[in-house]
Amino acid sequence: MEVPYILLAVSFIMTLFYVAIFLGEGFNGPVIIASIIESVLIASVAVFGNELIKQFTVKRLE
């Protein structure tokens, strides 16, 4: 059950560095808040997509 937490942590770190360094915004408050929001969305979509695939394939097998 720790996979969503790992996804959230990895997506937060990657989003924070992408926005702060590659886009040249720096490490400030709005960048951190945006990174938190985007990382929650990224992790949610990953888990949601995985669950959709599992439910679709399990129901097709039954």
Protein backbone atom coordinates (compact mmCIF):
# COMPACT_ATOMS: atom_id res chain seq x y z
CA MET A 1 0.00 0.00 0.00
CA GLU A 2 2.99 2.33 0.03
CA VAL A 3 3.14 2.65 -3.76
CA PRO A 4 0.91 5.79 -3.92
CA TYR A 5 3.14 7.49 -1.34
CA ILE A 6 6.24 6.65 -3.37
CA LEU A 7 4.55 7.96 -6.52
CA LEU A 8 3.60 11.15 -4.69
CA ALA A 9 7.12 11.72 -3.36
CA VAL A 10 8.81 11.06 -6.71
CA SER A 11 6.34 13.22 -8.62
CA PHE A 12 6.77 16.06 -6.10
CA ILE A 13 10.54 16.03 -6.36
CA MET A 14 10.51 15.83 -10.15
CA THR A 15 7.87 18.55 -10.50
CA LEU A 16 9.61 20.84 -8.03
CA PHE A 17 12.96 20.58 -9.80
CA TYR A 18 11.36 20.92 -13.23
CA VAL A 19 9.45 24.08 -12.38
CA ALA A 20 12.17 25.64 -10.23
CA ILE A 21 15.27 24.88 -12.27
CA PHE A 22 14.35 24.10 -15.86
CA LEU A 23 11.70 26.81 -16.15
CA GLY A 24 13.84 29.26 -14.17
CA GLU A 25 11.26 30.11 -11.53
CA GLY A 26 13.42 29.40 -8.47
CA PHE A 27 12.39 27.85 -5.17
CA ASN A 28 9.68 30.19 -3.88
CA GLY A 29 6.26 29.79 -2.31
CA PRO A 30 4.11 29.67 -5.45
CA VAL A 31 6.45 27.14 -7.06
CA ILE A 32 6.24 24.84 -4.03
CA ILE A 33 2.43 25.12 -3.88
CA ALA A 34 2.14 24.46 -7.62
CA SER A 35 4.47 21.47 -7.28
CA ILE A 36 2.35 20.03 -4.47
CA ILE A 37 -0.85 20.40 -6.50
CA GLU A 38 0.68 18.99 -9.67
CA SER A 39 2.32 16.06 -7.87
CA VAL A 40 -0.98 15.09 -6.23
CA LEU A 41 -2.65 15.17 -9.65
CA ILE A 42 0.14 13.13 -11.26
CA ALA A 43 0.08 10.46 -8.55
CA SER A 44 -3.74 10.36 -8.60
CA VAL A 45 -3.88 9.86 -12.35
CA ALA A 46 -1.28 7.09 -12.15
CA VAL A 47 -3.15 5.20 -9.43
CA PHE A 48 -6.54 5.83 -11.07
CA GLY A 49 -5.29 4.59 -14.44
CA ASN A 50 -3.82 1.49 -12.85
CA GLU A 51 -7.11 0.72 -11.09
CA LEU A 52 -9.08 1.23 -14.31
CA ILE A 53 -6.84 -1.21 -16.16
CA LYS A 54 -7.10 -3.77 -13.35
CA GLN A 55 -10.88 -3.53 -13.15
CA PHE A 56 -11.29 -3.71 -16.91
CA THR A 57 -9.07 -6.77 -17.30
CA VAL A 58 -10.42 -8.64 -14.25
CA LYS A 59 -14.04 -8.16 -15.32
CA ARG A 60 -13.21 -9.26 -18.85
CA LEU A 61 -11.67 -12.48 -17.50
CA GLU A 62 -14.69 -13.34 -15.35
